[in-house]
Amino acid sequence: MQYNKLKIDILGRVVYVDNKEIFLTRMEFDVLYFLTLNFNIAFTKKQIYELVSKDNYTEAAYIIKNVIYQLSR
């Protein structure tokens, strides 16, 4: 899967930007992949957490906020 300078190797769970490998945690990869598949849909942080992790955690919003912050760097 490729979007401009971003390439996601789904099977290898590897991400490249400008052909440089970007090391992501499991959650970061899952959130990035989820958001690229659903780029035209708005989700709350809680919805993203529940859809990506299949878990119901009370601090979900904080976790997703932190993951999105890390991905934006």
Protein backbone atom coordinates (compact mmCIF):
# COMPACT_ATOMS: atom_id res chain seq x y z
CA MET A 1 0.00 0.00 0.00
CA GLN A 2 1.46 3.35 -0.98
CA TYR A 3 0.41 6.99 -0.53
CA ASN A 4 2.80 9.54 -1.98
CA LYS A 5 6.01 9.19 0.08
CA LEU A 6 4.45 6.71 2.54
CA LYS A 7 4.72 2.97 1.85
CA ILE A 8 3.19 0.37 4.17
CA ASP A 9 4.30 -3.26 3.90
CA ILE A 10 1.28 -4.93 5.50
CA LEU A 11 2.68 -8.47 5.68
CA GLY A 12 6.06 -7.35 6.97
CA ARG A 13 4.46 -4.71 9.22
CA VAL A 14 7.06 -2.19 8.04
CA VAL A 15 6.59 1.47 7.09
CA TYR A 16 8.77 3.53 4.76
CA VAL A 17 8.82 7.28 4.21
CA ASP A 18 10.95 8.44 1.28
CA ASN A 19 12.22 4.82 1.07
CA LYS A 20 13.59 5.06 4.63
CA GLU A 21 12.32 2.49 7.10
CA ILE A 22 10.39 3.96 10.03
CA PHE A 23 10.33 1.86 13.19
CA LEU A 24 6.90 1.77 14.83
CA THR A 25 5.45 0.02 17.83
CA ARG A 26 2.67 -2.52 17.22
CA MET A 27 0.02 0.01 18.22
CA GLU A 28 1.55 2.78 16.09
CA PHE A 29 1.59 0.51 13.05
CA ASP A 30 -1.98 -0.67 13.66
CA VAL A 31 -3.29 2.89 14.08
CA LEU A 32 -1.44 4.14 10.99
CA TYR A 33 -2.70 1.23 8.90
CA PHE A 34 -6.26 1.70 10.20
CA LEU A 35 -6.23 5.42 9.47
CA THR A 36 -4.87 4.93 5.94
CA LEU A 37 -7.61 2.41 5.20
CA ASN A 38 -10.24 4.82 6.53
CA PHE A 39 -8.72 8.17 5.51
CA ASN A 40 -12.09 9.64 4.58
CA ILE A 41 -13.86 8.81 7.85
CA ALA A 42 -13.63 10.75 11.12
CA PHE A 43 -13.30 8.71 14.32
CA THR A 44 -13.04 9.63 17.98
CA LYS A 45 -9.92 8.56 19.84
CA LYS A 46 -11.99 6.03 21.75
CA GLN A 47 -13.40 4.55 18.53
CA ILE A 48 -9.91 4.22 17.04
CA TYR A 49 -8.65 2.48 20.17
CA GLU A 50 -11.57 0.05 20.31
CA LEU A 51 -11.40 -0.75 16.58
CA VAL A 52 -7.63 -1.18 16.52
CA SER A 53 -7.05 -2.96 19.82
CA LYS A 54 -10.35 -4.84 20.17
CA ASP A 55 -10.16 -3.82 23.81
CA ASN A 56 -12.28 -1.54 25.98
CA TYR A 57 -9.92 0.51 28.11
CA THR A 58 -10.89 3.63 30.04
CA GLU A 59 -7.69 5.51 29.12
CA ALA A 60 -8.14 4.81 25.40
CA ALA A 61 -8.27 8.48 24.42
CA TYR A 62 -4.91 9.18 26.06
CA ILE A 63 -3.26 6.19 24.38
CA ILE A 64 -4.51 7.11 20.91
CA LYS A 65 -3.60 10.76 21.43
CA ASN A 66 -0.06 9.69 22.30
CA VAL A 67 0.18 7.28 19.34
CA ILE A 68 -1.01 9.94 16.89
CA TYR A 69 1.47 12.41 18.36
CA GLN A 70 4.31 9.90 17.85
CA LEU A 71 3.21 9.19 14.27
CA SER A 72 3.13 12.89 13.42
CA ARG A 73 6.79 13.35 14.36
